[in-house]
Amino acid sequence: IFDIVSSGGTLVRNSLVEVYRVVESEAVLIANP
């Protein structure tokens, strides 16, 4: 899978292991130019 990970608890509960971080995300303020 390729999905959002926060604490990783959901992965553990579904017997999955995070192997590669692709994008670091956070809340952003966006604007129409």
PDB file of all heavy atoms in Angstrom:
ATOM      1  N   ILE A   1       0.835  -1.202   0.000  1.00  0.00           N
ATOM      2  CA  ILE A   1       0.000   0.000   0.000  1.00  0.00           C
ATOM      3  C   ILE A   1       0.875   1.260   0.000  1.00  0.00           C
ATOM      4  O   ILE A   1       2.055   1.223   0.368  1.00  0.00           O
ATOM      5  CB  ILE A   1      -0.955   0.061   1.217  1.00  0.00           C
ATOM      6  CG1 ILE A   1      -0.165   0.310   2.519  1.00  0.00           C
ATOM      7  CG2 ILE A   1      -1.795  -1.203   1.312  1.00  0.00           C
ATOM      8  CD1 ILE A   1      -1.037   0.687   3.707  1.00  0.00           C
ATOM      9  N   PHE A   2       0.260   2.354  -0.419  1.00  0.00           N
ATOM     10  CA  PHE A   2       0.865   3.679  -0.337  1.00  0.00           C
ATOM     11  C   PHE A   2      -0.191   4.561   0.292  1.00  0.00           C
ATOM     12  O   PHE A   2      -1.225   4.840  -0.306  1.00  0.00           O
ATOM     13  CB  PHE A   2       1.235   4.179  -1.741  1.00  0.00           C
ATOM     14  CG  PHE A   2       1.792   5.584  -1.755  1.00  0.00           C
ATOM     15  CD1 PHE A   2       2.993   5.877  -1.140  1.00  0.00           C
ATOM     16  CD2 PHE A   2       1.110   6.612  -2.403  1.00  0.00           C
ATOM     17  CE1 PHE A   2       3.514   7.164  -1.161  1.00  0.00           C
ATOM     18  CE2 PHE A   2       1.622   7.897  -2.437  1.00  0.00           C
ATOM     19  CZ  PHE A   2       2.824   8.177  -1.817  1.00  0.00           C
ATOM     20  N   ASP A   3       0.059   5.002   1.543  1.00  0.00           N
ATOM     21  CA  ASP A   3      -1.017   5.675   2.272  1.00  0.00           C
ATOM     22  C   ASP A   3      -0.441   6.641   3.307  1.00  0.00           C
ATOM     23  O   ASP A   3       0.769   6.685   3.559  1.00  0.00           O
ATOM     24  CB  ASP A   3      -1.893   4.629   2.966  1.00  0.00           C
ATOM     25  CG  ASP A   3      -3.279   5.159   3.325  1.00  0.00           C
ATOM     26  OD1 ASP A   3      -3.680   6.200   2.773  1.00  0.00           O
ATOM     27  OD2 ASP A   3      -3.950   4.538   4.170  1.00  0.00           O
ATOM     28  N   ILE A   4      -1.347   7.415   3.923  1.00  0.00           N
ATOM     29  CA  ILE A   4      -0.977   8.331   4.992  1.00  0.00           C
ATOM     30  C   ILE A   4      -0.598   7.543   6.240  1.00  0.00           C
ATOM     31  O   ILE A   4      -1.274   6.590   6.621  1.00  0.00           O
ATOM     32  CB  ILE A   4      -2.150   9.283   5.313  1.00  0.00           C
ATOM     33  CG1 ILE A   4      -2.326  10.303   4.191  1.00  0.00           C
ATOM     34  CG2 ILE A   4      -1.916  10.008   6.624  1.00  0.00           C
ATOM     35  CD1 ILE A   4      -3.466  11.270   4.435  1.00  0.00           C
ATOM     36  N   VAL A   5       0.486   7.958   6.872  1.00  0.00           N
ATOM     37  CA  VAL A   5       0.933   7.356   8.126  1.00  0.00           C
ATOM     38  C   VAL A   5       1.147   8.483   9.131  1.00  0.00           C
ATOM     39  O   VAL A   5       1.784   9.484   8.823  1.00  0.00           O
ATOM     40  CB  VAL A   5       2.247   6.569   7.946  1.00  0.00           C
ATOM     41  CG1 VAL A   5       2.705   5.991   9.285  1.00  0.00           C
ATOM     42  CG2 VAL A   5       2.072   5.458   6.916  1.00  0.00           C
ATOM     43  N   SER A   6       0.577   8.328  10.321  1.00  0.00           N
ATOM     44  CA  SER A   6       0.804   9.294  11.398  1.00  0.00           C
ATOM     45  C   SER A   6       1.638   8.618  12.476  1.00  0.00           C
ATOM     46  O   SER A   6       2.844   8.762  12.525  1.00  0.00           O
ATOM     47  CB  SER A   6      -0.518   9.806  11.956  1.00  0.00           C
ATOM     48  OG  SER A   6      -1.218  10.549  10.975  1.00  0.00           O
ATOM     49  N   SER A   7       0.993   7.835  13.316  1.00  0.00           N
ATOM     50  CA  SER A   7       1.719   7.132  14.371  1.00  0.00           C
ATOM     51  C   SER A   7       2.219   5.767  13.921  1.00  0.00           C
ATOM     52  O   SER A   7       3.164   5.217  14.496  1.00  0.00           O
ATOM     53  CB  SER A   7       0.809   6.947  15.589  1.00  0.00           C
ATOM     54  OG  SER A   7      -0.276   6.093  15.266  1.00  0.00           O
ATOM     55  N   GLY A   8       1.575   5.204  12.899  1.00  0.00           N
ATOM     56  CA  GLY A   8       1.947   3.873  12.443  1.00  0.00           C
ATOM     57  C   GLY A   8       1.121   2.772  13.081  1.00  0.00           C
ATOM     58  O   GLY A   8       1.257   1.595  12.722  1.00  0.00           O
ATOM     59  N   GLY A   9       0.233   3.132  14.010  1.00  0.00           N
ATOM     60  CA  GLY A   9      -0.578   2.134  14.702  1.00  0.00           C
ATOM     61  C   GLY A   9      -1.491   1.355  13.777  1.00  0.00           C
ATOM     62  O   GLY A   9      -1.684   0.143  13.948  1.00  0.00           O
ATOM     63  N   THR A  10      -2.063   2.035  12.780  1.00  0.00           N
ATOM     64  CA  THR A  10      -2.966   1.355  11.841  1.00  0.00           C
ATOM     65  C   THR A  10      -2.212   0.300  11.047  1.00  0.00           C
ATOM     66  O   THR A  10      -2.749  -0.786  10.773  1.00  0.00           O
ATOM     67  CB  THR A  10      -3.610   2.373  10.881  1.00  0.00           C
ATOM     68  OG1 THR A  10      -4.351   3.325  11.639  1.00  0.00           O
ATOM     69  CG2 THR A  10      -4.552   1.683   9.907  1.00  0.00           C
ATOM     70  N   LEU A  11      -0.982   0.591  10.673  1.00  0.00           N
ATOM     71  CA  LEU A  11      -0.174  -0.395   9.946  1.00  0.00           C
ATOM     72  C   LEU A  11       0.064  -1.638  10.796  1.00  0.00           C
ATOM     73  O   LEU A  11      -0.095  -2.768  10.324  1.00  0.00           O
ATOM     74  CB  LEU A  11       1.169   0.218   9.526  1.00  0.00           C
ATOM     75  CG  LEU A  11       1.134   1.389   8.552  1.00  0.00           C
ATOM     76  CD1 LEU A  11       2.556   1.855   8.239  1.00  0.00           C
ATOM     77  CD2 LEU A  11       0.408   1.014   7.263  1.00  0.00           C
ATOM     78  N   VAL A  12       0.424  -1.414  12.037  1.00  0.00           N
ATOM     79  CA  VAL A  12       0.706  -2.542  12.935  1.00  0.00           C
ATOM     80  C   VAL A  12      -0.525  -3.417  13.104  1.00  0.00           C
ATOM     81  O   VAL A  12      -0.435  -4.657  13.065  1.00  0.00           O
ATOM     82  CB  VAL A  12       1.188  -2.032  14.310  1.00  0.00           C
ATOM     83  CG1 VAL A  12       1.295  -3.189  15.305  1.00  0.00           C
ATOM     84  CG2 VAL A  12       2.531  -1.325  14.177  1.00  0.00           C
ATOM     85  N   ARG A  13      -1.692  -2.774  13.264  1.00  0.00           N
ATOM     86  CA  ARG A  13      -2.928  -3.544  13.451  1.00  0.00           C
ATOM     87  C   ARG A  13      -3.287  -4.366  12.220  1.00  0.00           C
ATOM     88  O   ARG A  13      -4.021  -5.351  12.328  1.00  0.00           O
ATOM     89  CB  ARG A  13      -4.083  -2.600  13.798  1.00  0.00           C
ATOM     90  CG  ARG A  13      -4.006  -2.032  15.202  1.00  0.00           C
ATOM     91  CD  ARG A  13      -5.311  -1.360  15.603  1.00  0.00           C
ATOM     92  NE  ARG A  13      -5.599  -0.187  14.795  1.00  0.00           N
ATOM     93  CZ  ARG A  13      -5.155   1.033  15.057  1.00  0.00           C
ATOM     94  NH1 ARG A  13      -4.368   1.233  16.111  1.00  0.00           N
ATOM     95  NH2 ARG A  13      -5.491   2.046  14.284  1.00  0.00           N
ATOM     96  N   ASN A  14      -2.774  -3.984  11.074  1.00  0.00           N
ATOM     97  CA  ASN A  14      -3.062  -4.719   9.844  1.00  0.00           C
ATOM     98  C   ASN A  14      -1.849  -5.503   9.339  1.00  0.00           C
ATOM     99  O   ASN A  14      -1.782  -5.875   8.165  1.00  0.00           O
ATOM    100  CB  ASN A  14      -3.548  -3.751   8.765  1.00  0.00           C
ATOM    101  CG  ASN A  14      -4.957  -3.251   9.022  1.00  0.00           C
ATOM    102  OD1 ASN A  14      -5.944  -3.893   8.664  1.00  0.00           O
ATOM    103  ND2 ASN A  14      -5.049  -2.083   9.664  1.00  0.00           N
ATOM    104  N   SER A  15      -0.905  -5.749  10.252  1.00  0.00           N
ATOM    105  CA  SER A  15       0.290  -6.556   9.956  1.00  0.00           C
ATOM    106  C   SER A  15       1.080  -6.014   8.773  1.00  0.00           C
ATOM    107  O   SER A  15       1.543  -6.762   7.900  1.00  0.00           O
ATOM    108  CB  SER A  15      -0.115  -8.023   9.690  1.00  0.00           C
ATOM    109  OG  SER A  15      -0.776  -8.569  10.800  1.00  0.00           O
ATOM    110  N   LEU A  16       1.236  -4.678   8.750  1.00  0.00           N
ATOM    111  CA  LEU A  16       2.005  -4.020   7.697  1.00  0.00           C
ATOM    112  C   LEU A  16       3.214  -3.323   8.302  1.00  0.00           C
ATOM    113  O   LEU A  16       3.218  -2.946   9.473  1.00  0.00           O
ATOM    114  CB  LEU A  16       1.143  -3.005   6.955  1.00  0.00           C
ATOM    115  CG  LEU A  16      -0.067  -3.555   6.192  1.00  0.00           C
ATOM    116  CD1 LEU A  16      -0.957  -2.409   5.708  1.00  0.00           C
ATOM    117  CD2 LEU A  16       0.376  -4.417   5.019  1.00  0.00           C
ATOM    118  N   VAL A  17       4.229  -3.115   7.469  1.00  0.00           N
ATOM    119  CA  VAL A  17       5.451  -2.452   7.903  1.00  0.00           C
ATOM    120  C   VAL A  17       5.760  -1.302   6.946  1.00  0.00           C
ATOM    121  O   VAL A  17       5.779  -1.489   5.725  1.00  0.00           O
ATOM    122  CB  VAL A  17       6.643  -3.435   7.929  1.00  0.00           C
ATOM    123  CG1 VAL A  17       7.933  -2.703   8.305  1.00  0.00           C
ATOM    124  CG2 VAL A  17       6.380  -4.582   8.888  1.00  0.00           C
ATOM    125  N   GLU A  18       5.982  -0.122   7.505  1.00  0.00           N
ATOM    126  CA  GLU A  18       6.368   1.038   6.692  1.00  0.00           C
ATOM    127  C   GLU A  18       7.811   0.846   6.234  1.00  0.00           C
ATOM    128  O   GLU A  18       8.705   0.629   7.041  1.00  0.00           O
ATOM    129  CB  GLU A  18       6.247   2.311   7.532  1.00  0.00           C
ATOM    130  CG  GLU A  18       6.596   3.586   6.793  1.00  0.00           C
ATOM    131  CD  GLU A  18       6.490   4.819   7.689  1.00  0.00           C
ATOM    132  OE1 GLU A  18       6.318   4.651   8.924  1.00  0.00           O
ATOM    133  OE2 GLU A  18       6.600   5.938   7.160  1.00  0.00           O
ATOM    134  N   VAL A  19       8.038   0.947   4.906  1.00  0.00           N
ATOM    135  CA  VAL A  19       9.385   0.687   4.391  1.00  0.00           C
ATOM    136  C   VAL A  19      10.008   1.894   3.689  1.00  0.00           C
ATOM    137  O   VAL A  19      11.233   1.944   3.523  1.00  0.00           O
ATOM    138  CB  VAL A  19       9.385  -0.527   3.422  1.00  0.00           C
ATOM    139  CG1 VAL A  19       9.029  -1.803   4.173  1.00  0.00           C
ATOM    140  CG2 VAL A  19       8.448  -0.307   2.245  1.00  0.00           C
ATOM    141  N   TYR A  20       9.199   2.869   3.268  1.00  0.00           N
ATOM    142  CA  TYR A  20       9.789   4.020   2.575  1.00  0.00           C
ATOM    143  C   TYR A  20       8.881   5.232   2.683  1.00  0.00           C
ATOM    144  O   TYR A  20       7.705   5.171   2.307  1.00  0.00           O
ATOM    145  CB  TYR A  20      10.025   3.700   1.098  1.00  0.00           C
ATOM    146  CG  TYR A  20      11.005   4.641   0.425  1.00  0.00           C
ATOM    147  CD1 TYR A  20      12.363   4.336   0.386  1.00  0.00           C
ATOM    148  CD2 TYR A  20      10.583   5.841  -0.143  1.00  0.00           C
ATOM    149  CE1 TYR A  20      13.275   5.198  -0.215  1.00  0.00           C
ATOM    150  CE2 TYR A  20      11.494   6.702  -0.738  1.00  0.00           C
ATOM    151  CZ  TYR A  20      12.833   6.384  -0.773  1.00  0.00           C
ATOM    152  OH  TYR A  20      13.730   7.232  -1.366  1.00  0.00           O
ATOM    153  N   ARG A  21       9.432   6.345   3.201  1.00  0.00           N
ATOM    154  CA  ARG A  21       8.690   7.601   3.287  1.00  0.00           C
ATOM    155  C   ARG A  21       8.867   8.366   1.972  1.00  0.00           C
ATOM    156  O   ARG A  21       9.989   8.670   1.581  1.00  0.00           O
ATOM    157  CB  ARG A  21       9.186   8.456   4.452  1.00  0.00           C
ATOM    158  CG  ARG A  21       8.991   7.812   5.807  1.00  0.00           C
ATOM    159  CD  ARG A  21       9.372   8.789   6.914  1.00  0.00           C
ATOM    160  NE  ARG A  21       9.199   8.177   8.235  1.00  0.00           N
ATOM    161  CZ  ARG A  21       9.273   8.856   9.374  1.00  0.00           C
ATOM    162  NH1 ARG A  21       9.538  10.169   9.335  1.00  0.00           N
ATOM    163  NH2 ARG A  21       9.102   8.252  10.520  1.00  0.00           N
ATOM    164  N   VAL A  22       7.757   8.705   1.338  1.00  0.00           N
ATOM    165  CA  VAL A  22       7.814   9.385   0.040  1.00  0.00           C
ATOM    166  C   VAL A  22       7.594  10.887   0.188  1.00  0.00           C
ATOM    167  O   VAL A  22       8.296  11.696  -0.402  1.00  0.00           O
ATOM    168  CB  VAL A  22       6.778   8.785  -0.927  1.00  0.00           C
ATOM    169  CG1 VAL A  22       6.759   9.548  -2.254  1.00  0.00           C
ATOM    170  CG2 VAL A  22       7.082   7.305  -1.166  1.00  0.00           C
ATOM    171  N   VAL A  23       6.595  11.284   0.989  1.00  0.00           N
ATOM    172  CA  VAL A  23       6.246  12.695   1.140  1.00  0.00           C
ATOM    173  C   VAL A  23       6.006  13.011   2.614  1.00  0.00           C
ATOM    174  O   VAL A  23       5.284  12.276   3.288  1.00  0.00           O
ATOM    175  CB  VAL A  23       4.964  13.050   0.336  1.00  0.00           C
ATOM    176  CG1 VAL A  23       4.492  14.462   0.670  1.00  0.00           C
ATOM    177  CG2 VAL A  23       5.223  12.931  -1.157  1.00  0.00           C
ATOM    178  N   GLU A  24       6.607  14.084   3.095  1.00  0.00           N
ATOM    179  CA  GLU A  24       6.303  14.613   4.426  1.00  0.00           C
ATOM    180  C   GLU A  24       5.226  15.683   4.256  1.00  0.00           C
ATOM    181  O   GLU A  24       5.344  16.565   3.401  1.00  0.00           O
ATOM    182  CB  GLU A  24       7.542  15.226   5.072  1.00  0.00           C
ATOM    183  CG  GLU A  24       8.663  14.228   5.343  1.00  0.00           C
ATOM    184  CD  GLU A  24       8.350  13.256   6.463  1.00  0.00           C
ATOM    185  OE1 GLU A  24       7.412  13.547   7.249  1.00  0.00           O
ATOM    186  OE2 GLU A  24       9.029  12.226   6.554  1.00  0.00           O
ATOM    187  N   SER A  25       4.175  15.592   5.045  1.00  0.00           N
ATOM    188  CA  SER A  25       3.052  16.509   4.881  1.00  0.00           C
ATOM    189  C   SER A  25       2.702  17.188   6.195  1.00  0.00           C
ATOM    190  O   SER A  25       3.052  16.714   7.274  1.00  0.00           O
ATOM    191  CB  SER A  25       1.829  15.754   4.346  1.00  0.00           C
ATOM    192  OG  SER A  25       0.734  16.626   4.139  1.00  0.00           O
ATOM    193  N   GLU A  26       2.019  18.315   6.087  1.00  0.00           N
ATOM    194  CA  GLU A  26       1.477  19.036   7.230  1.00  0.00           C
ATOM    195  C   GLU A  26       0.367  19.933   6.713  1.00  0.00           C
ATOM    196  O   GLU A  26       0.155  20.036   5.494  1.00  0.00           O
ATOM    197  CB  GLU A  26       2.554  19.873   7.918  1.00  0.00           C
ATOM    198  CG  GLU A  26       3.112  20.992   7.057  1.00  0.00           C
ATOM    199  CD  GLU A  26       4.202  21.782   7.773  1.00  0.00           C
ATOM    200  OE1 GLU A  26       3.832  22.687   8.555  1.00  0.00           O
ATOM    201  OE2 GLU A  26       5.394  21.490   7.554  1.00  0.00           O
ATOM    202  N   ALA A  27      -0.348  20.578   7.612  1.00  0.00           N
ATOM    203  CA  ALA A  27      -1.393  21.515   7.204  1.00  0.00           C
ATOM    204  C   ALA A  27      -0.742  22.750   6.580  1.00  0.00           C
ATOM    205  O   ALA A  27       0.270  23.246   7.080  1.00  0.00           O
ATOM    206  CB  ALA A  27      -2.241  21.917   8.400  1.00  0.00           C
ATOM    207  N   VAL A  28      -1.331  23.217   5.483  1.00  0.00           N
ATOM    208  CA  VAL A  28      -0.818  24.418   4.811  1.00  0.00           C
ATOM    209  C   VAL A  28      -1.977  25.356   4.494  1.00  0.00           C
ATOM    210  O   VAL A  28      -3.127  24.929   4.340  1.00  0.00           O
ATOM    211  CB  VAL A  28      -0.061  24.078   3.513  1.00  0.00           C
ATOM    212  CG1 VAL A  28       1.210  23.308   3.806  1.00  0.00           C
ATOM    213  CG2 VAL A  28      -0.949  23.293   2.546  1.00  0.00           C
ATOM    214  N   LEU A  29      -1.638  26.636   4.414  1.00  0.00           N
ATOM    215  CA  LEU A  29      -2.595  27.641   3.949  1.00  0.00           C
ATOM    216  C   LEU A  29      -2.310  27.875   2.480  1.00  0.00           C
ATOM    217  O   LEU A  29      -1.198  28.253   2.111  1.00  0.00           O
ATOM    218  CB  LEU A  29      -2.435  28.941   4.738  1.00  0.00           C
ATOM    219  CG  LEU A  29      -3.369  30.092   4.305  1.00  0.00           C
ATOM    220  CD1 LEU A  29      -4.815  29.796   4.681  1.00  0.00           C
ATOM    221  CD2 LEU A  29      -2.912  31.416   4.943  1.00  0.00           C
ATOM    222  N   ILE A  30      -3.310  27.623   1.626  1.00  0.00           N
ATOM    223  CA  ILE A  30      -3.140  27.807   0.190  1.00  0.00           C
ATOM    224  C   ILE A  30      -3.998  28.973  -0.278  1.00  0.00           C
ATOM    225  O   ILE A  30      -4.965  29.357   0.381  1.00  0.00           O
ATOM    226  CB  ILE A  30      -3.499  26.534  -0.603  1.00  0.00           C
ATOM    227  CG1 ILE A  30      -4.959  26.118  -0.357  1.00  0.00           C
ATOM    228  CG2 ILE A  30      -2.539  25.406  -0.250  1.00  0.00           C
ATOM    229  CD1 ILE A  30      -5.420  24.946  -1.218  1.00  0.00           C
ATOM    230  N   ALA A  31      -3.618  29.551  -1.416  1.00  0.00           N
ATOM    231  CA  ALA A  31      -4.342  30.704  -1.940  1.00  0.00           C
ATOM    232  C   ALA A  31      -4.483  30.611  -3.449  1.00  0.00           C
ATOM    233  O   ALA A  31      -3.623  30.039  -4.136  1.00  0.00           O
ATOM    234  CB  ALA A  31      -3.624  32.007  -1.571  1.00  0.00           C
ATOM    235  N   ASN A  32      -5.575  31.176  -3.962  1.00  0.00           N
ATOM    236  CA  ASN A  32      -5.708  31.402  -5.392  1.00  0.00           C
ATOM    237  C   ASN A  32      -4.829  32.614  -5.712  1.00  0.00           C
ATOM    238  O   ASN A  32      -4.969  33.661  -5.065  1.00  0.00           O
ATOM    239  CB  ASN A  32      -7.165  31.684  -5.746  1.00  0.00           C
ATOM    240  CG  ASN A  32      -7.380  31.822  -7.237  1.00  0.00           C
ATOM    241  OD1 ASN A  32      -6.749  32.650  -7.876  1.00  0.00           O
ATOM    242  ND2 ASN A  32      -8.275  31.028  -7.789  1.00  0.00           N
ATOM    243  N   PRO A  33      -3.918  32.510  -6.662  1.00  0.00           N
ATOM    244  CA  PRO A  33      -3.015  33.638  -6.957  1.00  0.00           C
ATOM    245  C   PRO A  33      -3.732  34.953  -7.233  1.00  0.00           C
ATOM    246  O   PRO A  33      -3.171  36.026  -7.014  1.00  0.00           O
ATOM    247  CB  PRO A  33      -2.249  33.152  -8.200  1.00  0.00           C
ATOM    248  CG  PRO A  33      -2.263  31.655  -8.077  1.00  0.00           C
ATOM    249  CD  PRO A  33      -3.608  31.327  -7.489  1.00  0.00           C
TER     250      PRO A  33
END
